[in-house]
N, C-alpha and C. Protein backbone atom coordinates (compact mmCIF):
# COMPACT_ATOMS: atom_id res chain seq x y z
N MET A 1 89.45 128.15 143.10
CA MET A 1 90.03 126.97 143.67
C MET A 1 89.16 125.75 143.42
N THR A 2 87.89 125.90 143.38
CA THR A 2 87.02 124.75 143.12
C THR A 2 87.11 124.28 141.67
N ALA A 3 87.38 125.17 140.73
CA ALA A 3 87.51 124.78 139.33
C ALA A 3 88.75 123.89 139.14
N ARG A 4 89.85 124.24 139.79
CA ARG A 4 91.06 123.42 139.69
C ARG A 4 90.88 122.09 140.41
N HIS A 5 90.11 122.09 141.44
CA HIS A 5 89.89 120.88 142.20
C HIS A 5 89.19 119.81 141.35
N ARG A 6 88.28 120.22 140.45
CA ARG A 6 87.56 119.28 139.61
C ARG A 6 88.44 118.68 138.52
N GLU A 7 89.51 119.36 138.10
CA GLU A 7 90.38 118.89 137.03
C GLU A 7 91.54 118.03 137.55
N ARG A 8 91.64 117.87 138.83
CA ARG A 8 92.72 117.09 139.40
C ARG A 8 92.61 115.63 138.96
N GLY A 9 93.73 115.05 138.51
CA GLY A 9 93.74 113.66 138.08
C GLY A 9 93.26 113.43 136.66
N ALA A 10 92.89 114.48 135.95
CA ALA A 10 92.40 114.33 134.58
C ALA A 10 93.54 113.96 133.62
N SER A 11 94.75 114.31 133.96
CA SER A 11 95.87 114.00 133.06
C SER A 11 96.28 112.53 133.13
N LEU A 12 95.91 111.81 134.17
CA LEU A 12 96.29 110.40 134.29
C LEU A 12 95.68 109.53 133.19
N PRO A 13 94.38 109.60 132.91
CA PRO A 13 93.84 108.79 131.79
C PRO A 13 94.40 109.23 130.44
N GLU A 14 94.61 110.53 130.26
CA GLU A 14 95.17 111.01 129.00
C GLU A 14 96.59 110.46 128.81
N THR A 15 97.37 110.47 129.87
CA THR A 15 98.73 109.95 129.81
C THR A 15 98.73 108.45 129.50
N ALA A 16 97.83 107.72 130.11
CA ALA A 16 97.75 106.27 129.87
C ALA A 16 97.42 105.97 128.41
N ILE A 17 96.49 106.71 127.84
CA ILE A 17 96.10 106.48 126.45
C ILE A 17 97.25 106.85 125.50
N VAL A 18 97.86 108.00 125.73
CA VAL A 18 98.96 108.44 124.88
C VAL A 18 100.15 107.50 125.00
N MET A 19 100.49 107.07 126.21
CA MET A 19 101.62 106.16 126.40
C MET A 19 101.36 104.81 125.73
N ALA A 20 100.14 104.32 125.76
CA ALA A 20 99.82 103.06 125.10
C ALA A 20 100.04 103.18 123.58
N VAL A 21 99.61 104.28 123.01
CA VAL A 21 99.79 104.49 121.57
C VAL A 21 101.27 104.65 121.23
N VAL A 22 102.00 105.43 122.03
CA VAL A 22 103.42 105.65 121.77
C VAL A 22 104.21 104.35 121.89
N LEU A 23 103.91 103.55 122.91
CA LEU A 23 104.60 102.27 123.07
C LEU A 23 104.27 101.30 121.95
N ALA A 24 103.02 101.27 121.50
CA ALA A 24 102.65 100.40 120.38
C ALA A 24 103.41 100.80 119.12
N ILE A 25 103.54 102.10 118.87
CA ILE A 25 104.29 102.57 117.70
C ILE A 25 105.78 102.23 117.85
N LEU A 26 106.33 102.43 119.04
CA LEU A 26 107.74 102.15 119.28
C LEU A 26 108.06 100.67 119.07
N PHE A 27 107.26 99.79 119.65
CA PHE A 27 107.51 98.36 119.48
C PHE A 27 107.20 97.90 118.06
N GLY A 28 106.29 98.57 117.38
CA GLY A 28 106.04 98.28 115.97
C GLY A 28 107.25 98.61 115.12
N ILE A 29 107.89 99.74 115.42
CA ILE A 29 109.11 100.12 114.69
C ILE A 29 110.21 99.09 114.94
N ILE A 30 110.34 98.65 116.18
CA ILE A 30 111.36 97.64 116.51
C ILE A 30 111.08 96.34 115.77
N ASP A 31 109.82 95.91 115.74
CA ASP A 31 109.47 94.65 115.07
C ASP A 31 109.69 94.73 113.56
N PHE A 32 109.34 95.85 112.95
CA PHE A 32 109.59 95.99 111.51
C PHE A 32 111.07 96.12 111.23
N GLY A 33 111.84 96.64 112.17
CA GLY A 33 113.30 96.64 112.04
C GLY A 33 113.84 95.23 112.05
N ARG A 34 113.28 94.39 112.92
CA ARG A 34 113.66 92.97 112.94
C ARG A 34 113.33 92.31 111.61
N ALA A 35 112.18 92.64 111.04
CA ALA A 35 111.79 92.06 109.75
C ALA A 35 112.75 92.49 108.65
N LEU A 36 113.14 93.74 108.65
CA LEU A 36 114.08 94.24 107.65
C LEU A 36 115.44 93.57 107.82
N TYR A 37 115.89 93.42 109.05
CA TYR A 37 117.15 92.72 109.31
C TYR A 37 117.08 91.28 108.80
N THR A 38 115.98 90.59 109.07
CA THR A 38 115.83 89.21 108.65
C THR A 38 115.86 89.09 107.13
N TYR A 39 115.17 90.00 106.44
CA TYR A 39 115.19 89.95 104.97
C TYR A 39 116.61 90.19 104.44
N SER A 40 117.30 91.15 105.03
CA SER A 40 118.68 91.42 104.61
C SER A 40 119.57 90.20 104.86
N PHE A 41 119.34 89.53 105.97
CA PHE A 41 120.11 88.34 106.30
C PHE A 41 119.83 87.21 105.32
N VAL A 42 118.57 87.03 104.94
CA VAL A 42 118.20 85.99 103.97
C VAL A 42 118.82 86.29 102.62
N ALA A 43 118.85 87.56 102.21
CA ALA A 43 119.48 87.93 100.94
C ALA A 43 120.98 87.65 100.98
N THR A 44 121.61 87.91 102.11
CA THR A 44 123.04 87.63 102.26
C THR A 44 123.30 86.13 102.20
N LEU A 45 122.43 85.34 102.83
CA LEU A 45 122.58 83.89 102.77
C LEU A 45 122.48 83.38 101.33
N ALA A 46 121.56 83.95 100.55
CA ALA A 46 121.40 83.53 99.15
C ALA A 46 122.67 83.87 98.36
N ARG A 47 123.21 85.07 98.58
CA ARG A 47 124.45 85.44 97.87
C ARG A 47 125.61 84.54 98.27
N GLU A 48 125.75 84.27 99.57
CA GLU A 48 126.84 83.40 100.03
C GLU A 48 126.67 81.97 99.51
N GLY A 49 125.43 81.50 99.44
CA GLY A 49 125.17 80.16 98.90
C GLY A 49 125.51 80.07 97.42
N ALA A 50 125.17 81.11 96.66
CA ALA A 50 125.51 81.12 95.24
C ALA A 50 127.02 81.18 95.05
N ARG A 51 127.68 81.95 95.89
CA ARG A 51 129.15 82.01 95.82
C ARG A 51 129.75 80.64 96.15
N TRP A 52 129.19 79.97 97.15
CA TRP A 52 129.65 78.63 97.53
C TRP A 52 129.57 77.69 96.32
N ALA A 53 128.48 77.79 95.57
CA ALA A 53 128.28 76.89 94.43
C ALA A 53 129.23 77.21 93.28
N ILE A 54 129.45 78.49 92.99
CA ILE A 54 130.30 78.81 91.84
C ILE A 54 131.78 78.61 92.15
N VAL A 55 132.17 78.74 93.41
CA VAL A 55 133.57 78.53 93.76
C VAL A 55 133.92 77.06 93.57
N ARG A 56 132.99 76.18 93.90
CA ARG A 56 133.25 74.76 93.73
C ARG A 56 133.18 74.36 92.26
N GLY A 57 132.23 74.90 91.51
CA GLY A 57 132.15 74.75 90.06
C GLY A 57 132.37 73.36 89.51
N ALA A 58 133.04 73.30 88.37
CA ALA A 58 133.23 72.05 87.64
C ALA A 58 134.19 71.10 88.34
N ASN A 59 135.03 71.61 89.20
CA ASN A 59 136.03 70.76 89.87
C ASN A 59 135.51 70.14 91.16
N CYS A 60 134.29 70.43 91.52
CA CYS A 60 133.75 69.95 92.80
C CYS A 60 133.09 68.59 92.63
N THR A 61 133.37 67.70 93.56
CA THR A 61 132.74 66.38 93.52
C THR A 61 131.40 66.37 94.25
N MET A 62 131.12 67.44 95.03
CA MET A 62 129.84 67.50 95.77
C MET A 62 128.69 67.86 94.85
N LEU A 63 128.97 68.62 93.78
CA LEU A 63 127.92 68.99 92.85
C LEU A 63 127.78 67.90 91.81
N PRO A 64 126.57 67.64 91.32
CA PRO A 64 126.38 66.61 90.30
C PRO A 64 127.17 66.94 89.03
N ALA A 65 127.54 65.90 88.30
CA ALA A 65 128.29 66.06 87.05
C ALA A 65 127.44 66.81 86.03
N PRO A 66 128.06 67.32 84.94
CA PRO A 66 127.29 68.04 83.93
C PRO A 66 126.11 67.22 83.43
N CYS A 67 124.95 67.81 83.50
CA CYS A 67 123.72 67.12 83.13
C CYS A 67 122.60 68.13 83.03
N PRO A 68 121.42 67.71 82.58
CA PRO A 68 120.27 68.62 82.57
C PRO A 68 119.93 69.05 83.99
N ALA A 69 119.16 70.07 84.11
CA ALA A 69 118.87 70.75 85.38
C ALA A 69 118.86 69.83 86.59
N ARG A 70 119.74 70.12 87.51
CA ARG A 70 119.87 69.34 88.74
C ARG A 70 119.61 70.24 89.93
N SER A 71 119.37 69.62 91.04
CA SER A 71 119.19 70.35 92.29
C SER A 71 120.13 69.76 93.32
N GLY A 72 120.88 70.60 94.00
CA GLY A 72 121.83 70.15 95.00
C GLY A 72 121.50 70.68 96.37
N SER A 73 120.24 70.63 96.78
CA SER A 73 119.83 71.18 98.06
C SER A 73 120.50 70.50 99.23
N ALA A 74 120.74 69.20 99.13
CA ALA A 74 121.35 68.48 100.24
C ALA A 74 122.78 68.93 100.46
N ASP A 75 123.46 69.39 99.41
CA ASP A 75 124.84 69.84 99.53
C ASP A 75 124.95 71.23 100.15
N ILE A 76 124.07 72.11 99.76
CA ILE A 76 124.20 73.50 100.18
C ILE A 76 123.49 73.81 101.50
N GLN A 77 122.51 73.01 101.86
CA GLN A 77 121.72 73.26 103.07
C GLN A 77 122.59 73.36 104.33
N PRO A 78 123.50 72.42 104.60
CA PRO A 78 124.32 72.55 105.81
C PRO A 78 125.21 73.79 105.81
N TYR A 79 125.73 74.15 104.63
CA TYR A 79 126.58 75.33 104.56
C TYR A 79 125.80 76.60 104.88
N VAL A 80 124.63 76.77 104.28
CA VAL A 80 123.84 77.97 104.50
C VAL A 80 123.38 78.04 105.96
N ARG A 81 122.99 76.91 106.51
CA ARG A 81 122.57 76.90 107.92
C ARG A 81 123.72 77.23 108.87
N SER A 82 124.93 76.88 108.48
CA SER A 82 126.09 77.19 109.34
C SER A 82 126.37 78.68 109.41
N LEU A 83 125.85 79.45 108.47
CA LEU A 83 126.04 80.90 108.46
C LEU A 83 125.04 81.64 109.34
N SER A 84 124.11 80.93 109.94
CA SER A 84 123.08 81.56 110.75
C SER A 84 123.69 82.29 111.94
N GLN A 85 123.18 83.48 112.19
CA GLN A 85 123.66 84.28 113.31
C GLN A 85 122.52 85.12 113.86
N GLY A 86 122.71 85.68 115.02
CA GLY A 86 121.69 86.53 115.62
C GLY A 86 120.53 85.70 116.13
N VAL A 87 119.33 86.19 115.93
CA VAL A 87 118.15 85.54 116.46
C VAL A 87 117.51 84.56 115.49
N THR A 88 118.12 84.34 114.34
CA THR A 88 117.56 83.39 113.37
C THR A 88 117.80 81.96 113.83
N ASN A 89 116.82 81.12 113.59
CA ASN A 89 116.91 79.71 113.95
C ASN A 89 117.44 78.94 112.73
N PRO A 90 118.64 78.35 112.83
CA PRO A 90 119.20 77.67 111.65
C PRO A 90 118.36 76.50 111.15
N ASN A 91 117.58 75.88 112.02
CA ASN A 91 116.75 74.74 111.59
C ASN A 91 115.60 75.16 110.70
N LEU A 92 115.25 76.46 110.70
CA LEU A 92 114.13 76.93 109.88
C LEU A 92 114.58 77.48 108.52
N ILE A 93 115.88 77.55 108.30
CA ILE A 93 116.41 78.07 107.03
C ILE A 93 116.34 76.96 105.98
N THR A 94 115.76 77.29 104.84
CA THR A 94 115.65 76.35 103.73
C THR A 94 116.41 76.92 102.54
N ALA A 95 117.36 76.15 102.02
CA ALA A 95 118.13 76.59 100.85
C ALA A 95 117.98 75.58 99.73
N ASN A 96 117.85 76.09 98.51
CA ASN A 96 117.70 75.23 97.34
C ASN A 96 118.65 75.71 96.25
N LEU A 97 119.47 74.81 95.75
CA LEU A 97 120.43 75.12 94.69
C LEU A 97 119.96 74.46 93.41
N SER A 98 119.88 75.24 92.35
CA SER A 98 119.52 74.66 91.04
C SER A 98 120.45 75.24 89.99
N PHE A 99 120.83 74.40 89.04
CA PHE A 99 121.73 74.80 87.96
C PHE A 99 121.56 73.81 86.83
N PRO A 100 121.76 74.25 85.58
CA PRO A 100 121.64 73.34 84.44
C PRO A 100 122.83 72.39 84.34
N CYS A 101 124.00 72.82 84.74
CA CYS A 101 125.21 72.00 84.71
C CYS A 101 126.23 72.64 85.64
N ASN A 102 127.34 71.96 85.90
CA ASN A 102 128.34 72.58 86.76
C ASN A 102 129.63 72.86 86.00
N THR A 103 129.52 73.15 84.73
CA THR A 103 130.69 73.49 83.91
C THR A 103 130.83 75.01 83.86
N PRO A 104 132.02 75.51 83.53
CA PRO A 104 132.20 76.96 83.43
C PRO A 104 131.21 77.58 82.45
N GLY A 105 130.63 78.71 82.85
CA GLY A 105 129.65 79.40 82.02
C GLY A 105 128.21 79.12 82.42
N CYS A 106 127.97 78.09 83.22
CA CYS A 106 126.62 77.78 83.67
C CYS A 106 126.25 78.67 84.86
N VAL A 107 124.97 78.83 85.06
CA VAL A 107 124.48 79.68 86.14
C VAL A 107 124.01 78.81 87.30
N ALA A 108 124.51 79.13 88.50
CA ALA A 108 124.05 78.48 89.72
C ALA A 108 123.08 79.43 90.41
N GLN A 109 121.90 78.94 90.75
CA GLN A 109 120.87 79.76 91.37
C GLN A 109 120.52 79.19 92.74
N VAL A 110 120.56 80.04 93.76
CA VAL A 110 120.26 79.62 95.13
C VAL A 110 119.07 80.42 95.63
N THR A 111 118.08 79.71 96.17
CA THR A 111 116.92 80.34 96.79
C THR A 111 116.91 79.98 98.27
N VAL A 112 116.82 81.00 99.12
CA VAL A 112 116.80 80.79 100.57
C VAL A 112 115.47 81.32 101.10
N GLN A 113 114.84 80.53 101.98
CA GLN A 113 113.58 80.93 102.61
C GLN A 113 113.70 80.82 104.12
N TYR A 114 113.04 81.76 104.81
CA TYR A 114 113.03 81.75 106.27
C TYR A 114 111.68 82.29 106.74
N PRO A 115 110.98 81.56 107.61
CA PRO A 115 109.69 82.06 108.12
C PRO A 115 109.93 83.07 109.24
N PHE A 116 109.42 84.28 109.07
CA PHE A 116 109.56 85.34 110.08
C PHE A 116 108.23 85.51 110.79
N SER A 117 108.27 85.57 112.10
CA SER A 117 107.04 85.81 112.86
C SER A 117 107.21 87.06 113.71
N PHE A 118 106.19 87.89 113.71
CA PHE A 118 106.21 89.11 114.49
C PHE A 118 106.03 88.78 115.96
N SER A 119 106.59 89.61 116.83
CA SER A 119 106.48 89.37 118.27
C SER A 119 105.37 90.19 118.92
N LEU A 120 104.78 91.12 118.19
CA LEU A 120 103.71 91.95 118.75
C LEU A 120 102.39 91.20 118.74
N PRO A 121 101.58 91.38 119.78
CA PRO A 121 100.32 90.64 119.85
C PRO A 121 99.29 91.07 118.81
N PHE A 122 99.36 92.31 118.32
CA PHE A 122 98.34 92.77 117.36
C PHE A 122 98.75 92.53 115.91
N MET A 123 99.89 91.88 115.69
CA MET A 123 100.32 91.52 114.34
C MET A 123 99.90 90.08 114.05
N PRO A 124 99.82 89.69 112.78
CA PRO A 124 99.41 88.31 112.46
C PRO A 124 100.39 87.29 113.03
N LYS A 125 99.88 86.25 113.66
CA LYS A 125 100.72 85.21 114.24
C LYS A 125 101.30 84.27 113.18
N THR A 126 100.69 84.24 112.01
CA THR A 126 101.19 83.35 110.96
C THR A 126 102.54 83.82 110.43
N GLY A 127 102.82 85.10 110.53
CA GLY A 127 104.09 85.62 110.06
C GLY A 127 104.15 85.67 108.54
N ILE A 128 105.33 85.90 108.04
CA ILE A 128 105.54 85.96 106.60
C ILE A 128 106.79 85.17 106.25
N SER A 129 106.83 84.69 105.03
CA SER A 129 107.98 83.91 104.57
C SER A 129 108.94 84.84 103.83
N MET A 130 110.12 85.00 104.39
CA MET A 130 111.15 85.80 103.73
C MET A 130 111.86 84.90 102.72
N SER A 131 112.02 85.38 101.50
CA SER A 131 112.65 84.57 100.46
C SER A 131 113.52 85.46 99.59
N SER A 132 114.68 84.94 99.21
CA SER A 132 115.57 85.67 98.32
C SER A 132 116.27 84.69 97.39
N THR A 133 116.50 85.12 96.16
CA THR A 133 117.16 84.29 95.17
C THR A 133 118.39 85.03 94.64
N SER A 134 119.46 84.29 94.50
CA SER A 134 120.69 84.87 93.95
C SER A 134 121.25 83.89 92.93
N GLN A 135 121.78 84.42 91.84
CA GLN A 135 122.38 83.56 90.83
C GLN A 135 123.72 84.16 90.38
N MET A 136 124.67 83.25 90.16
CA MET A 136 126.01 83.63 89.73
C MET A 136 126.49 82.64 88.67
N VAL A 137 127.45 83.07 87.87
CA VAL A 137 127.98 82.23 86.80
C VAL A 137 129.23 81.50 87.26
N ILE A 138 129.28 80.19 87.00
CA ILE A 138 130.45 79.40 87.34
C ILE A 138 131.58 79.80 86.40
N SER A 139 132.72 80.17 86.99
CA SER A 139 133.80 80.68 86.14
C SER A 139 134.99 79.75 86.06
N ASN A 140 135.06 78.69 86.88
CA ASN A 140 136.23 77.80 86.80
C ASN A 140 135.84 76.41 86.39
């Protein structure tokens, strides 16, 4: 009976240590899931932005007339930001459209960037910049 008496309460510190490790792993999985979701969302925004540019193509007055490499970031930025959903902040989304011309057969390229920050205290506070590029050919 005295041997058991000395071991009483020994499982409490062990449980605290194990629970701290398990919770850190669990919240780490959740945070990396958020990062994966954000990257997937940025890639979708780039595809939708490229589609926006090719659908308007040569008949669009918002895109610059046929000319050497132009950038239409001011035109596409509001559209890409309007697609924001979930926990993403639309004001932090940056979209850049570049294309050599807006005639059929030209390639429209859209690059979307979004700064992702981890919510866990032991992860870097600077976060990482999620970026994706998509390009499509203007067909009309």
